[in-house]
N, C-alpha and C. Protein backbone atom coordinates (compact mmCIF):
# COMPACT_ATOMS: atom_id res chain seq x y z
N MET A 1 0.79 -1.17 0.00
CA MET A 1 0.00 0.00 0.00
C MET A 1 0.86 1.27 0.00
N ILE A 2 0.33 2.25 -0.59
CA ILE A 2 1.09 3.49 -0.69
C ILE A 2 0.70 4.38 0.49
N PRO A 3 1.72 4.89 1.16
CA PRO A 3 1.38 5.77 2.27
C PRO A 3 0.82 7.11 1.75
N ILE A 4 -0.28 7.55 2.29
CA ILE A 4 -0.92 8.82 1.89
C ILE A 4 -0.81 9.77 3.06
N PRO A 5 -0.27 10.91 2.80
CA PRO A 5 -0.20 11.89 3.89
C PRO A 5 -1.61 12.34 4.30
N ASN A 6 -1.75 12.73 5.50
CA ASN A 6 -3.06 13.10 6.06
C ASN A 6 -3.69 14.30 5.36
N ARG A 7 -2.89 15.18 4.93
CA ARG A 7 -3.49 16.35 4.29
C ARG A 7 -3.97 16.05 2.88
N LEU A 8 -3.47 14.98 2.21
CA LEU A 8 -3.93 14.64 0.87
C LEU A 8 -5.12 13.69 0.89
N ALA A 9 -5.35 13.03 1.98
CA ALA A 9 -6.43 12.05 2.06
C ALA A 9 -7.79 12.65 1.72
N PRO A 10 -8.18 13.78 2.31
CA PRO A 10 -9.49 14.32 1.95
C PRO A 10 -9.56 14.72 0.48
N LYS A 11 -8.45 15.24 -0.05
CA LYS A 11 -8.46 15.65 -1.46
C LYS A 11 -8.55 14.42 -2.36
N LEU A 12 -7.89 13.37 -1.97
CA LEU A 12 -7.91 12.14 -2.74
C LEU A 12 -9.33 11.54 -2.74
N ILE A 13 -9.95 11.57 -1.57
CA ILE A 13 -11.31 11.03 -1.48
C ILE A 13 -12.27 11.88 -2.32
N VAL A 14 -12.12 13.17 -2.26
CA VAL A 14 -12.97 14.06 -3.06
C VAL A 14 -12.67 13.84 -4.55
N GLY A 15 -11.44 13.68 -4.91
CA GLY A 15 -11.05 13.46 -6.31
C GLY A 15 -11.62 12.14 -6.83
N ILE A 16 -11.50 11.09 -6.03
CA ILE A 16 -12.05 9.79 -6.44
C ILE A 16 -13.57 9.90 -6.56
N GLY A 17 -14.19 10.59 -5.63
CA GLY A 17 -15.64 10.79 -5.69
C GLY A 17 -16.04 11.55 -6.94
N CYS A 18 -15.23 12.57 -7.30
CA CYS A 18 -15.53 13.35 -8.52
C CYS A 18 -15.36 12.48 -9.76
N VAL A 19 -14.36 11.65 -9.79
CA VAL A 19 -14.14 10.77 -10.94
C VAL A 19 -15.30 9.78 -11.07
N LEU A 20 -15.70 9.21 -9.92
CA LEU A 20 -16.82 8.28 -9.96
C LEU A 20 -18.11 8.99 -10.39
N LEU A 21 -18.30 10.18 -9.87
CA LEU A 21 -19.48 10.95 -10.25
C LEU A 21 -19.44 11.30 -11.73
N LEU A 22 -18.27 11.68 -12.22
CA LEU A 22 -18.12 12.01 -13.62
C LEU A 22 -18.37 10.77 -14.50
N ALA A 23 -17.86 9.63 -14.09
CA ALA A 23 -18.09 8.38 -14.84
C ALA A 23 -19.58 8.04 -14.84
N LEU A 24 -20.21 8.21 -13.69
CA LEU A 24 -21.64 7.95 -13.60
C LEU A 24 -22.42 8.90 -14.49
N LEU A 25 -22.04 10.17 -14.49
CA LEU A 25 -22.73 11.16 -15.34
C LEU A 25 -22.52 10.86 -16.82
N VAL A 26 -21.33 10.47 -17.21
CA VAL A 26 -21.05 10.14 -18.61
C VAL A 26 -21.89 8.92 -19.02
N HIS A 27 -21.91 7.92 -18.13
CA HIS A 27 -22.73 6.74 -18.43
C HIS A 27 -24.21 7.12 -18.54
N ASP A 28 -24.67 7.93 -17.60
CA ASP A 28 -26.06 8.36 -17.60
C ASP A 28 -26.36 9.19 -18.85
N ARG A 29 -25.40 10.07 -19.23
CA ARG A 29 -25.58 10.89 -20.43
C ARG A 29 -25.70 10.01 -21.66
N ASN A 30 -24.88 9.00 -21.76
CA ASN A 30 -24.93 8.10 -22.91
C ASN A 30 -26.26 7.33 -22.96
N ARG A 31 -26.73 6.94 -21.77
CA ARG A 31 -28.01 6.24 -21.71
C ARG A 31 -29.14 7.17 -22.15
N TRP A 32 -29.15 8.42 -21.67
CA TRP A 32 -30.17 9.37 -22.06
C TRP A 32 -30.05 9.75 -23.54
N LYS A 33 -28.83 9.82 -24.02
CA LYS A 33 -28.61 10.12 -25.43
C LYS A 33 -29.19 8.99 -26.29
N ALA A 34 -28.98 7.74 -25.90
CA ALA A 34 -29.53 6.60 -26.64
C ALA A 34 -31.05 6.62 -26.59
N LYS A 35 -31.59 6.91 -25.40
CA LYS A 35 -33.05 7.00 -25.29
C LYS A 35 -33.59 8.13 -26.16
N THR A 36 -32.91 9.26 -26.16
CA THR A 36 -33.35 10.40 -26.95
C THR A 36 -33.32 10.06 -28.44
N GLU A 37 -32.27 9.37 -28.87
CA GLU A 37 -32.20 8.96 -30.27
C GLU A 37 -33.34 7.98 -30.59
N ASN A 38 -33.62 7.08 -29.67
CA ASN A 38 -34.72 6.14 -29.86
C ASN A 38 -36.06 6.89 -29.96
N TYR A 39 -36.25 7.86 -29.07
CA TYR A 39 -37.48 8.65 -29.11
C TYR A 39 -37.57 9.48 -30.39
N ALA A 40 -36.44 10.00 -30.85
CA ALA A 40 -36.42 10.78 -32.09
C ALA A 40 -36.80 9.89 -33.28
N GLU A 41 -36.29 8.65 -33.28
CA GLU A 41 -36.64 7.71 -34.34
C GLU A 41 -38.13 7.37 -34.28
N MET A 42 -38.63 7.16 -33.07
CA MET A 42 -40.07 6.86 -32.92
C MET A 42 -40.91 8.04 -33.39
N LEU A 43 -40.48 9.26 -33.03
CA LEU A 43 -41.21 10.45 -33.44
C LEU A 43 -41.19 10.60 -34.96
N ALA A 44 -40.05 10.36 -35.58
CA ALA A 44 -39.96 10.44 -37.04
C ALA A 44 -40.86 9.37 -37.68
N GLY A 45 -40.87 8.18 -37.09
CA GLY A 45 -41.75 7.13 -37.60
C GLY A 45 -43.22 7.51 -37.48
N GLU A 46 -43.59 8.07 -36.34
CA GLU A 46 -44.98 8.51 -36.14
C GLU A 46 -45.36 9.63 -37.12
N ARG A 47 -44.42 10.55 -37.34
CA ARG A 47 -44.70 11.64 -38.29
C ARG A 47 -44.86 11.08 -39.71
N ALA A 48 -44.02 10.11 -40.07
CA ALA A 48 -44.13 9.50 -41.39
C ALA A 48 -45.46 8.74 -41.51
N ALA A 49 -45.83 8.01 -40.47
CA ALA A 49 -47.10 7.28 -40.48
C ALA A 49 -48.28 8.25 -40.57
N HIS A 50 -48.18 9.37 -39.83
CA HIS A 50 -49.24 10.38 -39.88
C HIS A 50 -49.35 10.97 -41.29
N ALA A 51 -48.20 11.29 -41.89
CA ALA A 51 -48.20 11.85 -43.24
C ALA A 51 -48.79 10.85 -44.24
N ALA A 52 -48.45 9.57 -44.07
CA ALA A 52 -48.99 8.54 -44.95
C ALA A 52 -50.50 8.41 -44.76
N THR A 53 -50.96 8.49 -43.52
CA THR A 53 -52.40 8.41 -43.24
C THR A 53 -53.12 9.59 -43.87
N VAL A 54 -52.57 10.78 -43.72
CA VAL A 54 -53.18 11.98 -44.32
C VAL A 54 -53.24 11.83 -45.84
N ALA A 55 -52.15 11.34 -46.43
CA ALA A 55 -52.13 11.16 -47.89
C ALA A 55 -53.18 10.12 -48.31
N ASN A 56 -53.29 9.02 -47.54
CA ASN A 56 -54.28 7.99 -47.86
C ASN A 56 -55.70 8.52 -47.74
N VAL A 57 -55.95 9.32 -46.70
CA VAL A 57 -57.29 9.88 -46.52
C VAL A 57 -57.62 10.84 -47.66
N ARG A 58 -56.66 11.65 -48.05
CA ARG A 58 -56.90 12.58 -49.16
C ARG A 58 -57.14 11.82 -50.46
N ALA A 59 -56.35 10.79 -50.69
CA ALA A 59 -56.54 9.98 -51.91
C ALA A 59 -57.91 9.30 -51.90
N ALA A 60 -58.29 8.77 -50.74
CA ALA A 60 -59.60 8.11 -50.64
C ALA A 60 -60.72 9.13 -50.83
N ALA A 61 -60.55 10.34 -50.30
CA ALA A 61 -61.57 11.37 -50.47
C ALA A 61 -61.69 11.77 -51.94
N GLU A 62 -60.56 11.89 -52.63
CA GLU A 62 -60.60 12.23 -54.05
C GLU A 62 -61.25 11.11 -54.86
N GLN A 63 -60.92 9.87 -54.50
CA GLN A 63 -61.53 8.74 -55.19
C GLN A 63 -63.04 8.71 -54.93
N ALA A 64 -63.44 8.99 -53.69
CA ALA A 64 -64.86 9.03 -53.37
C ALA A 64 -65.57 10.15 -54.13
N ARG A 65 -64.91 11.31 -54.24
CA ARG A 65 -65.50 12.41 -55.01
C ARG A 65 -65.67 12.02 -56.47
N ALA A 66 -64.65 11.37 -57.03
CA ALA A 66 -64.74 10.94 -58.43
C ALA A 66 -65.85 9.92 -58.62
N LEU A 67 -65.95 8.96 -57.70
CA LEU A 67 -67.01 7.96 -57.79
C LEU A 67 -68.39 8.61 -57.63
N ASP A 68 -68.49 9.57 -56.71
CA ASP A 68 -69.76 10.27 -56.52
C ASP A 68 -70.14 11.05 -57.78
N ALA A 69 -69.16 11.70 -58.39
CA ALA A 69 -69.44 12.45 -59.61
C ALA A 69 -69.88 11.52 -60.74
N ALA A 70 -69.19 10.38 -60.86
CA ALA A 70 -69.57 9.41 -61.89
C ALA A 70 -70.97 8.85 -61.62
N ASN A 71 -71.23 8.57 -60.36
CA ASN A 71 -72.56 8.04 -59.99
C ASN A 71 -73.64 9.08 -60.27
N ALA A 72 -73.37 10.34 -59.92
CA ALA A 72 -74.34 11.40 -60.17
C ALA A 72 -74.59 11.55 -61.67
N ALA A 73 -73.53 11.45 -62.47
CA ALA A 73 -73.70 11.53 -63.92
C ALA A 73 -74.53 10.35 -64.44
N ARG A 74 -74.28 9.16 -63.88
CA ARG A 74 -75.05 7.98 -64.29
C ARG A 74 -76.53 8.15 -63.96
N VAL A 75 -76.81 8.60 -62.73
CA VAL A 75 -78.20 8.79 -62.31
C VAL A 75 -78.86 9.86 -63.17
N LYS A 76 -78.14 10.94 -63.43
CA LYS A 76 -78.70 12.01 -64.25
C LYS A 76 -78.99 11.52 -65.67
N ALA A 77 -78.11 10.70 -66.23
CA ALA A 77 -78.32 10.15 -67.57
C ALA A 77 -79.52 9.20 -67.58
N GLU A 78 -79.62 8.34 -66.57
CA GLU A 78 -80.77 7.43 -66.49
C GLU A 78 -82.07 8.21 -66.36
N GLN A 79 -82.07 9.24 -65.53
CA GLN A 79 -83.28 10.03 -65.35
C GLN A 79 -83.63 10.79 -66.62
N ALA A 80 -82.63 11.29 -67.32
CA ALA A 80 -82.89 12.00 -68.58
C ALA A 80 -83.48 11.03 -69.61
N ALA A 81 -82.95 9.81 -69.66
CA ALA A 81 -83.49 8.80 -70.59
C ALA A 81 -84.94 8.47 -70.25
N ILE A 82 -85.22 8.34 -68.95
CA ILE A 82 -86.60 8.07 -68.52
C ILE A 82 -87.50 9.23 -68.92
N ASN A 83 -87.03 10.46 -68.70
CA ASN A 83 -87.83 11.64 -69.05
C ASN A 83 -88.13 11.67 -70.55
N GLU A 84 -87.10 11.42 -71.36
CA GLU A 84 -87.29 11.46 -72.81
C GLU A 84 -88.22 10.34 -73.27
N ARG A 85 -88.00 9.14 -72.76
CA ARG A 85 -88.84 8.01 -73.14
C ARG A 85 -90.31 8.26 -72.75
N THR A 86 -90.52 8.77 -71.53
CA THR A 86 -91.87 9.04 -71.06
C THR A 86 -92.52 10.12 -71.91
N GLU A 87 -91.76 11.16 -72.21
CA GLU A 87 -92.31 12.25 -73.03
C GLU A 87 -92.69 11.74 -74.43
N ASN A 88 -91.84 10.92 -75.01
CA ASN A 88 -92.14 10.37 -76.34
C ASN A 88 -93.38 9.47 -76.31
N GLU A 89 -93.46 8.61 -75.30
CA GLU A 89 -94.62 7.73 -75.18
C GLU A 89 -95.89 8.55 -74.96
N PHE A 90 -95.79 9.59 -74.13
CA PHE A 90 -96.94 10.46 -73.87
C PHE A 90 -97.41 11.12 -75.16
N GLU A 91 -96.46 11.70 -75.90
CA GLU A 91 -96.83 12.39 -77.14
C GLU A 91 -97.43 11.41 -78.15
N ASP A 92 -96.87 10.19 -78.24
CA ASP A 92 -97.42 9.18 -79.16
C ASP A 92 -98.84 8.80 -78.77
N ARG A 93 -99.07 8.59 -77.47
CA ARG A 93 -100.40 8.19 -77.01
C ARG A 93 -101.42 9.32 -77.20
N ILE A 94 -101.01 10.55 -76.93
CA ILE A 94 -101.91 11.71 -77.13
C ILE A 94 -102.24 11.85 -78.61
N ALA A 95 -101.22 11.70 -79.47
CA ALA A 95 -101.47 11.82 -80.91
C ALA A 95 -102.42 10.72 -81.38
N ALA A 96 -102.24 9.51 -80.86
CA ALA A 96 -103.13 8.40 -81.25
C ALA A 96 -104.54 8.66 -80.75
N ALA A 97 -104.68 9.18 -79.52
CA ALA A 97 -106.01 9.47 -78.98
C ALA A 97 -106.68 10.58 -79.78
N ARG A 98 -105.92 11.60 -80.17
CA ARG A 98 -106.50 12.69 -80.96
C ARG A 98 -106.88 12.22 -82.35
N ALA A 99 -106.03 11.34 -82.90
CA ALA A 99 -106.36 10.81 -84.22
C ALA A 99 -107.62 9.95 -84.15
N ALA A 100 -107.72 9.14 -83.08
CA ALA A 100 -108.92 8.31 -82.91
C ALA A 100 -110.14 9.20 -82.69
N ALA A 101 -109.98 10.27 -81.92
CA ALA A 101 -111.10 11.19 -81.69
C ALA A 101 -111.48 11.88 -82.99
N GLY A 102 -110.49 12.22 -83.80
CA GLY A 102 -110.79 12.83 -85.10
C GLY A 102 -111.52 11.88 -86.00
N GLY A 103 -111.14 10.61 -85.95
CA GLY A 103 -111.84 9.60 -86.74
C GLY A 103 -113.26 9.41 -86.27
N LEU A 104 -113.47 9.46 -84.96
CA LEU A 104 -114.83 9.34 -84.42
C LEU A 104 -115.68 10.54 -84.79
N ARG A 105 -115.07 11.70 -84.80
CA ARG A 105 -115.83 12.89 -85.18
C ARG A 105 -116.30 12.78 -86.63
N ALA A 106 -115.42 12.22 -87.45
CA ALA A 106 -115.80 12.07 -88.87
C ALA A 106 -116.94 11.08 -89.01
N LEU A 107 -117.02 10.11 -88.08
CA LEU A 107 -118.08 9.11 -88.15
C LEU A 107 -119.36 9.56 -87.47
N SER A 108 -119.30 10.61 -86.67
CA SER A 108 -120.48 11.01 -85.90
C SER A 108 -121.58 11.54 -86.82
N PRO A 109 -122.82 11.40 -86.40
CA PRO A 109 -123.93 11.85 -87.23
C PRO A 109 -123.90 13.36 -87.47
N ALA A 110 -123.40 14.13 -86.50
CA ALA A 110 -123.38 15.58 -86.68
C ALA A 110 -122.42 15.96 -87.79
N ALA A 111 -121.31 15.26 -87.91
CA ALA A 111 -120.33 15.58 -88.94
C ALA A 111 -120.81 15.15 -90.31
N SER A 112 -121.63 14.13 -90.38
CA SER A 112 -122.08 13.66 -91.69
C SER A 112 -123.26 14.48 -92.22
N ASP A 113 -123.86 15.24 -91.33
CA ASP A 113 -125.01 16.03 -91.75
C ASP A 113 -124.56 17.47 -91.90
N SER A 114 -124.48 17.95 -93.14
CA SER A 114 -123.99 19.31 -93.37
C SER A 114 -124.98 20.35 -92.85
N ARG A 115 -126.24 19.98 -92.65
CA ARG A 115 -127.23 20.93 -92.14
C ARG A 115 -127.02 21.20 -90.67
N ASN A 116 -126.38 20.27 -89.90
CA ASN A 116 -126.20 20.45 -88.45
C ASN A 116 -124.87 21.11 -88.11
N GLY A 117 -124.21 21.75 -89.04
CA GLY A 117 -122.97 22.46 -88.75
C GLY A 117 -121.73 21.62 -88.95
N GLY A 118 -121.83 20.48 -89.61
CA GLY A 118 -120.66 19.66 -89.89
C GLY A 118 -119.75 20.39 -90.86
N THR A 119 -118.52 20.04 -90.89
CA THR A 119 -117.58 20.78 -91.73
C THR A 119 -117.59 20.29 -93.16
N ALA A 120 -117.81 19.02 -93.37
CA ALA A 120 -117.79 18.51 -94.74
C ALA A 120 -118.92 17.52 -94.90
N PRO A 121 -119.60 17.58 -96.04
CA PRO A 121 -120.67 16.61 -96.24
C PRO A 121 -120.08 15.21 -96.44
N VAL A 122 -120.62 14.27 -95.70
CA VAL A 122 -120.17 12.88 -95.77
C VAL A 122 -121.41 12.05 -96.03
N PRO A 123 -121.26 11.02 -96.85
CA PRO A 123 -122.44 10.19 -97.07
C PRO A 123 -122.91 9.57 -95.77
N GLY A 124 -124.10 9.13 -95.71
CA GLY A 124 -124.70 8.54 -94.51
C GLY A 124 -123.89 7.39 -93.96
N LEU A 125 -123.97 7.20 -92.67
CA LEU A 125 -123.21 6.15 -92.00
C LEU A 125 -123.94 4.82 -92.09
N SER A 126 -123.09 3.79 -92.07
CA SER A 126 -123.68 2.46 -92.00
C SER A 126 -124.18 2.25 -90.57
N ILE A 127 -124.97 1.20 -90.38
CA ILE A 127 -125.52 0.92 -89.05
C ILE A 127 -124.38 0.64 -88.06
N ALA A 128 -123.33 -0.10 -88.44
CA ALA A 128 -122.21 -0.41 -87.55
C ALA A 128 -121.46 0.85 -87.16
N ALA A 129 -121.25 1.74 -88.12
CA ALA A 129 -120.53 2.98 -87.82
C ALA A 129 -121.34 3.87 -86.88
N LYS A 130 -122.68 3.86 -87.07
CA LYS A 130 -123.53 4.65 -86.18
C LYS A 130 -123.44 4.12 -84.75
N ARG A 131 -123.35 2.79 -84.60
CA ARG A 131 -123.23 2.20 -83.25
C ARG A 131 -121.93 2.63 -82.58
N VAL A 132 -120.82 2.66 -83.35
CA VAL A 132 -119.53 3.08 -82.79
C VAL A 132 -119.62 4.51 -82.32
N ALA A 133 -120.22 5.37 -83.13
CA ALA A 133 -120.35 6.77 -82.75
C ALA A 133 -121.23 6.91 -81.52
N GLN A 134 -122.29 6.11 -81.43
CA GLN A 134 -123.17 6.20 -80.27
C GLN A 134 -122.46 5.65 -79.02
N ASP A 135 -121.64 4.58 -79.17
CA ASP A 135 -120.95 4.00 -78.02
C ASP A 135 -120.00 5.01 -77.37
N THR A 136 -119.41 5.88 -78.15
CA THR A 136 -118.49 6.86 -77.58
C THR A 136 -119.22 7.87 -76.72
N GLU A 137 -120.47 8.09 -76.97
CA GLU A 137 -121.21 9.07 -76.19
C GLU A 137 -121.95 8.42 -75.02
N GLU A 138 -121.87 7.11 -74.86
CA GLU A 138 -122.57 6.45 -73.77
C GLU A 138 -121.95 6.76 -72.42
N GLY A 139 -120.71 7.25 -72.36
CA GLY A 139 -120.07 7.57 -71.09
C GLY A 139 -120.68 8.79 -70.44
N GLY A 140 -121.56 9.46 -71.10
CA GLY A 140 -122.22 10.60 -70.53
C GLY A 140 -121.49 11.91 -70.80
N LEU A 141 -120.42 11.88 -71.57
CA LEU A 141 -119.68 13.10 -71.87
C LEU A 141 -119.80 13.42 -73.35
N PRO A 142 -119.88 14.69 -73.68
CA PRO A 142 -119.83 15.05 -75.10
C PRO A 142 -118.45 14.71 -75.67
N GLN A 143 -118.36 14.62 -76.98
CA GLN A 143 -117.12 14.18 -77.61
C GLN A 143 -115.90 15.03 -77.26
N PRO A 144 -115.97 16.35 -77.24
CA PRO A 144 -114.77 17.12 -76.88
C PRO A 144 -114.31 16.82 -75.44
N ASP A 145 -115.28 16.63 -74.55
CA ASP A 145 -114.93 16.32 -73.17
C ASP A 145 -114.36 14.91 -73.05
N GLN A 146 -114.83 14.01 -73.90
CA GLN A 146 -114.28 12.66 -73.90
C GLN A 146 -112.81 12.69 -74.28
N LEU A 147 -112.46 13.50 -75.25
CA LEU A 147 -111.06 13.63 -75.65
C LEU A 147 -110.24 14.21 -74.51
N THR A 148 -110.76 15.23 -73.86
CA THR A 148 -110.06 15.83 -72.73
C THR A 148 -109.87 14.81 -71.61
N ALA A 149 -110.90 14.04 -71.32
CA ALA A 149 -110.80 13.01 -70.27
C ALA A 149 -109.78 11.95 -70.66
N THR A 150 -109.78 11.57 -71.92
CA THR A 150 -108.80 10.59 -72.40
C THR A 150 -107.38 11.14 -72.27
N GLU A 151 -107.20 12.40 -72.67
CA GLU A 151 -105.87 13.02 -72.56
C GLU A 151 -105.41 13.08 -71.11
N GLN A 152 -106.31 13.43 -70.21
CA GLN A 152 -105.95 13.49 -68.80
C GLN A 152 -105.64 12.10 -68.24
N ALA A 153 -106.39 11.10 -68.67
CA ALA A 153 -106.10 9.73 -68.23
C ALA A 153 -104.73 9.30 -68.73
N ILE A 154 -104.40 9.67 -69.96
CA ILE A 154 -103.06 9.34 -70.50
C ILE A 154 -101.99 10.06 -69.71
N GLN A 155 -102.23 11.34 -69.39
CA GLN A 155 -101.27 12.09 -68.59
C GLN A 155 -101.02 11.41 -67.25
N LEU A 156 -102.09 11.05 -66.58
CA LEU A 156 -101.95 10.39 -65.27
C LEU A 156 -101.23 9.06 -65.39
N ASP A 157 -101.58 8.29 -66.41
CA ASP A 157 -100.94 6.99 -66.60
C ASP A 157 -99.44 7.16 -66.87
N GLU A 158 -99.09 8.11 -67.71
CA GLU A 158 -97.67 8.35 -68.01
C GLU A 158 -96.94 8.91 -66.78
N LEU A 159 -97.64 9.73 -65.99
CA LEU A 159 -97.02 10.24 -64.76
C LEU A 159 -96.74 9.11 -63.79
N ILE A 160 -97.66 8.19 -63.66
CA ILE A 160 -97.45 7.04 -62.77
C ILE A 160 -96.27 6.21 -63.26
N LYS A 161 -96.21 5.97 -64.57
CA LYS A 161 -95.07 5.22 -65.12
C LYS A 161 -93.76 5.96 -64.85
N TRP A 162 -93.78 7.28 -65.04
CA TRP A 162 -92.58 8.09 -64.84
C TRP A 162 -92.10 8.01 -63.39
N VAL A 163 -93.05 8.16 -62.45
CA VAL A 163 -92.68 8.12 -61.03
C VAL A 163 -92.09 6.76 -60.67
N ARG A 164 -92.70 5.68 -61.16
CA ARG A 164 -92.18 4.34 -60.86
C ARG A 164 -90.79 4.15 -61.47
N ALA A 165 -90.59 4.63 -62.68
CA ALA A 165 -89.29 4.49 -63.32
C ALA A 165 -88.24 5.31 -62.60
N GLN A 166 -88.59 6.53 -62.18
CA GLN A 166 -87.63 7.38 -61.44
C GLN A 166 -87.29 6.75 -60.10
N ALA A 167 -88.29 6.17 -59.44
CA ALA A 167 -88.04 5.54 -58.13
C ALA A 167 -87.18 4.30 -58.28
N ALA A 168 -87.19 3.67 -59.44
CA ALA A 168 -86.39 2.46 -59.66
C ALA A 168 -84.92 2.78 -59.92
N VAL A 169 -84.59 4.05 -60.19
CA VAL A 169 -83.19 4.42 -60.41
C VAL A 169 -82.46 4.35 -59.08
N ALA A 170 -81.43 3.52 -59.03
CA ALA A 170 -80.65 3.36 -57.79
C ALA A 170 -79.74 4.57 -57.64
N PRO A 171 -79.83 5.29 -56.50
CA PRO A 171 -78.98 6.46 -56.32
C PRO A 171 -77.50 6.11 -56.20
N SER A 172 -77.19 4.89 -55.79
CA SER A 172 -75.80 4.47 -55.73
C SER A 172 -75.71 3.00 -56.05
N LYS A 173 -74.64 2.62 -56.71
CA LYS A 173 -74.42 1.21 -57.04
C LYS A 173 -73.22 0.75 -56.24
N ASP A 174 -73.48 0.02 -55.17
CA ASP A 174 -72.40 -0.45 -54.33
C ASP A 174 -72.00 -1.86 -54.73
């Protein structure tokens, strides 16, 4: 053993204590530095994951907007086709009803008799034709009102068809 003078002993003990404390602090600093680096890596990973999530949400939102726009265009096209088809059918049925009413007017006794205000003289009607003309008036309505009632019935029928067809259009196709 090395002899230590009494006056150096306290300094030696303090010096050894400082060295041990310094070694402990360096070790502790390295441990905290490693933890800090680990936390920094975790934070960077979380930020990258967050950025990826934000990008995915934005991409999904854009895709949803595009799909919604395409779906809206599909629904609008289907509804426009239904509207056009219904309008064409309505016009065809009205034209047929008016043509039939015009044919009945030509067959009616009033039209065949030029003395009763008919527009053109027509030879007398056969018995079968007279029955057809009489059958049209059996509903209790005069001929012009019968045409109006027929037109309104066609309108209602086409409206019902239109509503059913519009209700059948699926707002979304999943």
